[in-house]
Amino acid sequence: MTDFEPKIVAFCCNYCAFAAADLAGAMRLQYPPNVRIVRLPCTGKVDALHLLRAFEDGADGVFVAGCMEGECHFIQGNLRARKRVDYVKRLLIEIGVEPERVEMFNLSSAMGGRFAEICEEMTSRIKQFGPNPVERQKGDAGK
């Protein structure tokens, strides 16, 4: 499994986490290309079904990155997102999948370095777990 490169989906809020990712790029920070960003107006818009669907569609890991706690531009969006991430962790435990495959992070827009660290951390973590055990079989795709 040394050649396994995980697919990681990052649901990022526009105001802080996406801005931090943009800053990481502007600073030319190196981090694994395994992370695919989904830009959201607020992490409060991410639903448990979005997280689970990412796994079903082949993601090996998923993270949600939003504003610092207590500083959400939409008041409580990131607090709602954390509850949904915790719910998905419990669901993953029930089906026998490592709950650490999904995580929530809080960033400010000035934390480009931290965004790069999170990408490294998640890539390393998922490499240890190996490929996604719940990916929908390609033949089941329209069912």
N, C-alpha and C. Protein backbone atom coordinates (compact mmCIF):
# COMPACT_ATOMS: atom_id res chain seq x y z
N MET A 1 0.80 -1.19 0.00
CA MET A 1 0.00 0.00 0.00
C MET A 1 0.85 1.26 0.00
N THR A 2 2.11 1.13 -0.28
CA THR A 2 2.99 2.30 -0.26
C THR A 2 2.67 3.27 -1.39
N ASP A 3 2.05 2.80 -2.47
CA ASP A 3 1.73 3.69 -3.57
C ASP A 3 0.30 4.25 -3.47
N PHE A 4 -0.41 3.96 -2.40
CA PHE A 4 -1.76 4.46 -2.20
C PHE A 4 -1.74 5.97 -1.98
N GLU A 5 -2.47 6.69 -2.80
CA GLU A 5 -2.63 8.13 -2.64
C GLU A 5 -4.10 8.41 -2.37
N PRO A 6 -4.42 8.84 -1.16
CA PRO A 6 -5.82 9.03 -0.80
C PRO A 6 -6.47 10.21 -1.51
N LYS A 7 -7.78 10.09 -1.68
CA LYS A 7 -8.59 11.20 -2.19
C LYS A 7 -9.27 11.82 -0.98
N ILE A 8 -9.06 13.10 -0.80
CA ILE A 8 -9.61 13.80 0.36
C ILE A 8 -10.44 14.98 -0.13
N VAL A 9 -11.65 15.10 0.40
CA VAL A 9 -12.54 16.20 0.07
C VAL A 9 -12.58 17.15 1.27
N ALA A 10 -12.37 18.44 0.98
CA ALA A 10 -12.40 19.47 2.02
C ALA A 10 -13.57 20.42 1.75
N PHE A 11 -14.52 20.46 2.66
CA PHE A 11 -15.62 21.40 2.58
C PHE A 11 -15.18 22.65 3.34
N CYS A 12 -14.94 23.74 2.64
CA CYS A 12 -14.36 24.95 3.24
C CYS A 12 -15.31 26.14 3.13
N CYS A 13 -15.43 26.88 4.23
CA CYS A 13 -16.23 28.10 4.19
C CYS A 13 -15.49 29.16 3.37
N ASN A 14 -16.24 29.99 2.73
CA ASN A 14 -15.69 31.02 1.86
C ASN A 14 -14.83 32.03 2.61
N TYR A 15 -15.28 32.45 3.77
CA TYR A 15 -14.67 33.59 4.45
C TYR A 15 -13.36 33.27 5.15
N CYS A 16 -13.24 32.09 5.73
CA CYS A 16 -12.02 31.80 6.49
C CYS A 16 -11.21 30.66 5.90
N ALA A 17 -11.76 29.47 5.85
CA ALA A 17 -10.97 28.31 5.41
C ALA A 17 -10.57 28.40 3.95
N PHE A 18 -11.49 28.81 3.07
CA PHE A 18 -11.12 28.93 1.67
C PHE A 18 -10.10 30.04 1.49
N ALA A 19 -10.27 31.13 2.24
CA ALA A 19 -9.30 32.23 2.19
C ALA A 19 -7.93 31.75 2.69
N ALA A 20 -7.92 30.88 3.71
CA ALA A 20 -6.66 30.32 4.21
C ALA A 20 -6.02 29.43 3.15
N ALA A 21 -6.82 28.65 2.44
CA ALA A 21 -6.30 27.81 1.36
C ALA A 21 -5.72 28.68 0.25
N ASP A 22 -6.41 29.76 -0.06
CA ASP A 22 -5.93 30.69 -1.07
C ASP A 22 -4.61 31.33 -0.63
N LEU A 23 -4.53 31.68 0.64
CA LEU A 23 -3.29 32.26 1.18
C LEU A 23 -2.15 31.24 1.11
N ALA A 24 -2.44 29.99 1.42
CA ALA A 24 -1.41 28.95 1.33
C ALA A 24 -0.85 28.90 -0.10
N GLY A 25 -1.72 29.00 -1.07
CA GLY A 25 -1.28 29.01 -2.45
C GLY A 25 -0.47 30.25 -2.78
N ALA A 26 -0.94 31.41 -2.31
CA ALA A 26 -0.22 32.66 -2.57
C ALA A 26 1.16 32.65 -1.92
N MET A 27 1.27 31.96 -0.78
CA MET A 27 2.56 31.86 -0.08
C MET A 27 3.43 30.76 -0.68
N ARG A 28 2.89 30.05 -1.67
CA ARG A 28 3.57 28.94 -2.34
C ARG A 28 3.99 27.83 -1.36
N LEU A 29 3.10 27.58 -0.40
CA LEU A 29 3.35 26.51 0.55
C LEU A 29 3.08 25.18 -0.14
N GLN A 30 3.93 24.21 0.12
CA GLN A 30 3.78 22.89 -0.48
C GLN A 30 2.93 22.01 0.44
N TYR A 31 1.92 21.38 -0.14
CA TYR A 31 1.14 20.39 0.59
C TYR A 31 0.62 19.38 -0.42
N PRO A 32 0.23 18.20 0.03
CA PRO A 32 -0.16 17.13 -0.89
C PRO A 32 -1.31 17.56 -1.81
N PRO A 33 -1.26 17.14 -3.05
CA PRO A 33 -2.33 17.49 -4.00
C PRO A 33 -3.56 16.60 -3.87
N ASN A 34 -3.64 15.84 -2.80
CA ASN A 34 -4.73 14.88 -2.60
C ASN A 34 -6.04 15.55 -2.22
N VAL A 35 -5.99 16.80 -1.80
CA VAL A 35 -7.18 17.48 -1.27
C VAL A 35 -7.92 18.22 -2.37
N ARG A 36 -9.21 17.95 -2.47
CA ARG A 36 -10.08 18.65 -3.40
C ARG A 36 -11.02 19.53 -2.57
N ILE A 37 -11.04 20.81 -2.86
CA ILE A 37 -11.81 21.77 -2.06
C ILE A 37 -13.19 22.01 -2.67
N VAL A 38 -14.18 21.96 -1.79
CA VAL A 38 -15.54 22.36 -2.14
C VAL A 38 -15.81 23.65 -1.37
N ARG A 39 -15.98 24.72 -2.10
CA ARG A 39 -16.16 26.04 -1.49
C ARG A 39 -17.63 26.25 -1.13
N LEU A 40 -17.86 26.59 0.13
CA LEU A 40 -19.22 26.82 0.63
C LEU A 40 -19.35 28.25 1.15
N PRO A 41 -20.56 28.80 1.11
CA PRO A 41 -20.73 30.13 1.72
C PRO A 41 -20.48 30.07 3.23
N CYS A 42 -20.80 28.93 3.84
CA CYS A 42 -20.61 28.72 5.28
C CYS A 42 -20.62 27.21 5.52
N THR A 43 -19.84 26.75 6.49
CA THR A 43 -19.85 25.31 6.79
C THR A 43 -21.20 24.88 7.36
N GLY A 44 -21.99 25.82 7.82
CA GLY A 44 -23.33 25.51 8.29
C GLY A 44 -24.21 24.94 7.18
N LYS A 45 -23.80 25.12 5.92
CA LYS A 45 -24.55 24.58 4.78
C LYS A 45 -24.23 23.12 4.49
N VAL A 46 -23.15 22.60 5.08
CA VAL A 46 -22.80 21.20 4.84
C VAL A 46 -23.71 20.32 5.68
N ASP A 47 -24.22 19.29 5.05
CA ASP A 47 -25.12 18.36 5.71
C ASP A 47 -24.42 17.01 5.88
N ALA A 48 -24.87 16.23 6.81
CA ALA A 48 -24.30 14.89 7.01
C ALA A 48 -24.36 14.08 5.72
N LEU A 49 -25.40 14.28 4.94
CA LEU A 49 -25.53 13.55 3.67
C LEU A 49 -24.42 13.92 2.69
N HIS A 50 -23.99 15.19 2.70
CA HIS A 50 -22.89 15.60 1.82
C HIS A 50 -21.60 14.86 2.20
N LEU A 51 -21.36 14.75 3.49
CA LEU A 51 -20.15 14.08 3.97
C LEU A 51 -20.19 12.59 3.62
N LEU A 52 -21.33 11.97 3.85
CA LEU A 52 -21.47 10.55 3.55
C LEU A 52 -21.42 10.29 2.04
N ARG A 53 -21.99 11.18 1.27
CA ARG A 53 -21.97 11.02 -0.19
C ARG A 53 -20.54 11.12 -0.72
N ALA A 54 -19.73 11.97 -0.11
CA ALA A 54 -18.32 12.07 -0.53
C ALA A 54 -17.64 10.71 -0.37
N PHE A 55 -17.89 10.03 0.75
CA PHE A 55 -17.33 8.70 0.96
C PHE A 55 -17.89 7.72 -0.06
N GLU A 56 -19.19 7.77 -0.26
CA GLU A 56 -19.84 6.87 -1.20
C GLU A 56 -19.28 7.05 -2.61
N ASP A 57 -18.91 8.28 -2.95
CA ASP A 57 -18.40 8.57 -4.29
C ASP A 57 -16.89 8.39 -4.42
N GLY A 58 -16.26 7.84 -3.38
CA GLY A 58 -14.86 7.47 -3.51
C GLY A 58 -13.84 8.23 -2.69
N ALA A 59 -14.27 9.20 -1.90
CA ALA A 59 -13.30 9.90 -1.04
C ALA A 59 -12.81 8.94 0.04
N ASP A 60 -11.53 9.01 0.33
CA ASP A 60 -10.95 8.18 1.40
C ASP A 60 -11.00 8.92 2.73
N GLY A 61 -11.10 10.23 2.67
CA GLY A 61 -11.19 11.07 3.86
C GLY A 61 -11.91 12.36 3.52
N VAL A 62 -12.51 12.97 4.53
CA VAL A 62 -13.27 14.20 4.34
C VAL A 62 -12.98 15.11 5.53
N PHE A 63 -12.79 16.39 5.24
CA PHE A 63 -12.76 17.33 6.35
C PHE A 63 -13.56 18.57 6.05
N VAL A 64 -14.05 19.17 7.12
CA VAL A 64 -14.81 20.41 7.05
C VAL A 64 -13.95 21.46 7.74
N ALA A 65 -13.75 22.58 7.08
CA ALA A 65 -12.93 23.65 7.65
C ALA A 65 -13.73 24.94 7.62
N GLY A 66 -13.90 25.52 8.79
CA GLY A 66 -14.70 26.74 8.90
C GLY A 66 -14.01 27.78 9.74
N CYS A 67 -14.76 28.83 10.01
CA CYS A 67 -14.26 29.95 10.81
C CYS A 67 -13.92 29.47 12.23
N MET A 68 -13.18 30.31 12.93
CA MET A 68 -12.87 30.02 14.33
C MET A 68 -14.18 29.96 15.11
N GLU A 69 -14.21 29.09 16.12
CA GLU A 69 -15.45 28.98 16.91
C GLU A 69 -15.77 30.32 17.54
N GLY A 70 -17.04 30.70 17.45
CA GLY A 70 -17.48 31.98 18.00
C GLY A 70 -17.27 33.15 17.05
N GLU A 71 -16.68 32.90 15.89
CA GLU A 71 -16.41 33.98 14.94
C GLU A 71 -16.99 33.70 13.56
N CYS A 72 -18.00 32.85 13.49
CA CYS A 72 -18.62 32.51 12.21
C CYS A 72 -19.33 33.75 11.64
N HIS A 73 -19.16 33.99 10.37
CA HIS A 73 -19.81 35.12 9.72
C HIS A 73 -21.33 34.95 9.68
N PHE A 74 -21.78 33.72 9.86
CA PHE A 74 -23.21 33.44 9.89
C PHE A 74 -23.63 32.97 11.29
N ILE A 75 -22.98 33.49 12.29
CA ILE A 75 -23.26 33.34 13.71
C ILE A 75 -22.97 31.95 14.26
N GLN A 76 -23.72 30.94 13.85
CA GLN A 76 -23.54 29.60 14.42
C GLN A 76 -23.31 28.51 13.39
N GLY A 77 -23.01 28.88 12.18
CA GLY A 77 -22.85 27.90 11.11
C GLY A 77 -21.80 26.85 11.43
N ASN A 78 -20.65 27.29 11.92
CA ASN A 78 -19.59 26.31 12.20
C ASN A 78 -19.93 25.42 13.38
N LEU A 79 -20.74 25.89 14.30
CA LEU A 79 -21.17 25.05 15.43
C LEU A 79 -22.12 23.96 14.93
N ARG A 80 -22.99 24.32 13.99
CA ARG A 80 -23.88 23.32 13.39
C ARG A 80 -23.06 22.29 12.62
N ALA A 81 -22.05 22.77 11.89
CA ALA A 81 -21.21 21.85 11.12
C ALA A 81 -20.49 20.87 12.03
N ARG A 82 -19.98 21.35 13.16
CA ARG A 82 -19.28 20.45 14.10
C ARG A 82 -20.21 19.35 14.58
N LYS A 83 -21.46 19.70 14.89
CA LYS A 83 -22.42 18.69 15.33
C LYS A 83 -22.66 17.65 14.23
N ARG A 84 -22.72 18.11 12.99
CA ARG A 84 -22.94 17.18 11.88
C ARG A 84 -21.73 16.28 11.65
N VAL A 85 -20.54 16.83 11.81
CA VAL A 85 -19.32 16.02 11.69
C VAL A 85 -19.30 14.96 12.79
N ASP A 86 -19.64 15.36 14.01
CA ASP A 86 -19.68 14.40 15.12
C ASP A 86 -20.71 13.30 14.86
N TYR A 87 -21.84 13.67 14.28
CA TYR A 87 -22.88 12.70 13.93
C TYR A 87 -22.35 11.69 12.90
N VAL A 88 -21.65 12.18 11.89
CA VAL A 88 -21.10 11.30 10.85
C VAL A 88 -20.05 10.38 11.46
N LYS A 89 -19.25 10.89 12.40
CA LYS A 89 -18.27 10.04 13.08
C LYS A 89 -18.97 8.87 13.76
N ARG A 90 -20.09 9.15 14.45
CA ARG A 90 -20.85 8.08 15.12
C ARG A 90 -21.40 7.08 14.10
N LEU A 91 -21.88 7.58 12.97
CA LEU A 91 -22.39 6.67 11.93
C LEU A 91 -21.27 5.78 11.37
N LEU A 92 -20.09 6.35 11.16
CA LEU A 92 -18.96 5.57 10.65
C LEU A 92 -18.58 4.46 11.64
N ILE A 93 -18.61 4.77 12.93
CA ILE A 93 -18.32 3.75 13.95
C ILE A 93 -19.32 2.60 13.82
N GLU A 94 -20.61 2.95 13.65
CA GLU A 94 -21.65 1.93 13.56
C GLU A 94 -21.46 0.99 12.37
N ILE A 95 -20.90 1.49 11.28
CA ILE A 95 -20.72 0.63 10.11
C ILE A 95 -19.31 0.04 10.03
N GLY A 96 -18.51 0.28 11.08
CA GLY A 96 -17.19 -0.34 11.15
C GLY A 96 -16.09 0.37 10.38
N VAL A 97 -16.26 1.68 10.18
CA VAL A 97 -15.26 2.49 9.48
C VAL A 97 -14.63 3.45 10.49
N GLU A 98 -13.34 3.70 10.30
CA GLU A 98 -12.61 4.59 11.21
C GLU A 98 -13.25 5.98 11.23
N PRO A 99 -13.67 6.45 12.41
CA PRO A 99 -14.30 7.78 12.50
C PRO A 99 -13.30 8.91 12.22
N GLU A 100 -12.01 8.62 12.30
CA GLU A 100 -10.99 9.63 12.05
C GLU A 100 -10.87 9.98 10.57
N ARG A 101 -11.63 9.30 9.73
CA ARG A 101 -11.64 9.63 8.30
C ARG A 101 -12.37 10.93 8.03
N VAL A 102 -13.14 11.40 9.00
CA VAL A 102 -13.84 12.68 8.87
C VAL A 102 -13.43 13.57 10.05
N GLU A 103 -13.21 14.85 9.78
CA GLU A 103 -12.73 15.75 10.83
C GLU A 103 -13.24 17.16 10.57
N MET A 104 -13.26 17.95 11.64
CA MET A 104 -13.64 19.37 11.57
C MET A 104 -12.47 20.20 12.05
N PHE A 105 -12.16 21.26 11.32
CA PHE A 105 -11.09 22.17 11.69
C PHE A 105 -11.62 23.61 11.66
N ASN A 106 -11.04 24.45 12.51
CA ASN A 106 -11.39 25.86 12.55
C ASN A 106 -10.16 26.68 12.20
N LEU A 107 -10.33 27.61 11.26
CA LEU A 107 -9.22 28.43 10.78
C LEU A 107 -9.66 29.88 10.64
N SER A 108 -8.70 30.78 10.71
CA SER A 108 -8.97 32.16 10.30
C SER A 108 -8.41 32.31 8.90
N SER A 109 -8.76 33.38 8.25
CA SER A 109 -8.31 33.60 6.87
C SER A 109 -6.80 33.81 6.79
N ALA A 110 -6.17 34.13 7.91
CA ALA A 110 -4.73 34.39 7.93
C ALA A 110 -3.90 33.13 8.21
N MET A 111 -4.55 31.97 8.28
CA MET A 111 -3.86 30.73 8.67
C MET A 111 -3.55 29.83 7.48
N GLY A 112 -2.91 30.39 6.46
CA GLY A 112 -2.53 29.62 5.29
C GLY A 112 -1.60 28.47 5.64
N GLY A 113 -0.67 28.72 6.54
CA GLY A 113 0.26 27.67 6.97
C GLY A 113 -0.47 26.53 7.66
N ARG A 114 -1.44 26.87 8.47
CA ARG A 114 -2.21 25.84 9.17
C ARG A 114 -3.03 25.03 8.19
N PHE A 115 -3.57 25.67 7.14
CA PHE A 115 -4.32 24.91 6.13
C PHE A 115 -3.42 23.86 5.48
N ALA A 116 -2.20 24.25 5.14
CA ALA A 116 -1.26 23.31 4.53
C ALA A 116 -0.94 22.16 5.50
N GLU A 117 -0.81 22.48 6.80
CA GLU A 117 -0.55 21.45 7.81
C GLU A 117 -1.72 20.47 7.90
N ILE A 118 -2.93 21.00 7.84
CA ILE A 118 -4.12 20.14 7.91
C ILE A 118 -4.15 19.17 6.72
N CYS A 119 -3.81 19.68 5.54
CA CYS A 119 -3.77 18.81 4.35
C CYS A 119 -2.73 17.71 4.54
N GLU A 120 -1.57 18.05 5.08
CA GLU A 120 -0.52 17.05 5.36
C GLU A 120 -1.02 16.04 6.39
N GLU A 121 -1.61 16.55 7.46
CA GLU A 121 -2.10 15.70 8.55
C GLU A 121 -3.16 14.71 8.06
N MET A 122 -4.13 15.21 7.31
CA MET A 122 -5.20 14.34 6.82
C MET A 122 -4.67 13.32 5.82
N THR A 123 -3.77 13.73 4.96
CA THR A 123 -3.20 12.80 3.98
C THR A 123 -2.44 11.69 4.69
N SER A 124 -1.63 12.06 5.66
CA SER A 124 -0.86 11.07 6.42
C SER A 124 -1.78 10.11 7.17
N ARG A 125 -2.80 10.67 7.81
CA ARG A 125 -3.75 9.87 8.58
C ARG A 125 -4.47 8.86 7.68
N ILE A 126 -4.95 9.32 6.55
CA ILE A 126 -5.72 8.45 5.66
C ILE A 126 -4.82 7.40 5.01
N LYS A 127 -3.56 7.73 4.74
CA LYS A 127 -2.62 6.74 4.20
C LYS A 127 -2.47 5.57 5.16
N GLN A 128 -2.51 5.85 6.47
CA GLN A 128 -2.39 4.79 7.47
C GLN A 128 -3.60 3.86 7.45
N PHE A 129 -4.78 4.42 7.18
CA PHE A 129 -6.01 3.62 7.16
C PHE A 129 -6.16 2.83 5.87
N GLY A 130 -5.62 3.35 4.78
CA GLY A 130 -5.78 2.69 3.50
C GLY A 130 -7.01 3.18 2.77
N PRO A 131 -7.33 2.54 1.65
CA PRO A 131 -8.46 2.98 0.82
C PRO A 131 -9.80 2.92 1.54
N ASN A 132 -10.70 3.70 1.06
CA ASN A 132 -12.07 3.79 1.56
C ASN A 132 -12.76 2.43 1.47
N PRO A 133 -13.24 1.90 2.60
CA PRO A 133 -13.90 0.58 2.55
C PRO A 133 -15.37 0.65 2.12
N VAL A 134 -15.94 1.84 1.97
CA VAL A 134 -17.37 1.93 1.66
C VAL A 134 -17.68 2.53 0.30
N GLU A 135 -16.68 2.72 -0.52
CA GLU A 135 -16.93 3.32 -1.84
C GLU A 135 -17.94 2.48 -2.60
N ARG A 136 -18.89 3.18 -3.16
CA ARG A 136 -19.93 2.49 -3.94
C ARG A 136 -19.27 1.82 -5.14
N GLN A 137 -19.66 0.60 -5.39
CA GLN A 137 -19.14 -0.13 -6.54
C GLN A 137 -19.54 0.61 -7.81
N LYS A 138 -18.63 0.69 -8.76
CA LYS A 138 -18.88 1.44 -10.01
C LYS A 138 -20.11 0.91 -10.74
N GLY A 139 -20.39 -0.36 -10.65
CA GLY A 139 -21.57 -0.92 -11.31
C GLY A 139 -22.88 -0.53 -10.65
N ASP A 140 -22.82 -0.10 -9.38
CA ASP A 140 -24.02 0.28 -8.63
C ASP A 140 -24.37 1.73 -8.87
N ALA A 141 -23.56 2.48 -9.63
CA ALA A 141 -23.70 3.92 -9.77
C ALA A 141 -25.07 4.39 -10.21
N GLY A 142 -25.97 4.09 -10.63
CA GLY A 142 -27.26 4.67 -10.94
C GLY A 142 -28.36 4.04 -10.15
N LYS A 143 -28.04 3.17 -9.20
CA LYS A 143 -29.10 2.46 -8.46
C LYS A 143 -29.51 3.24 -7.25
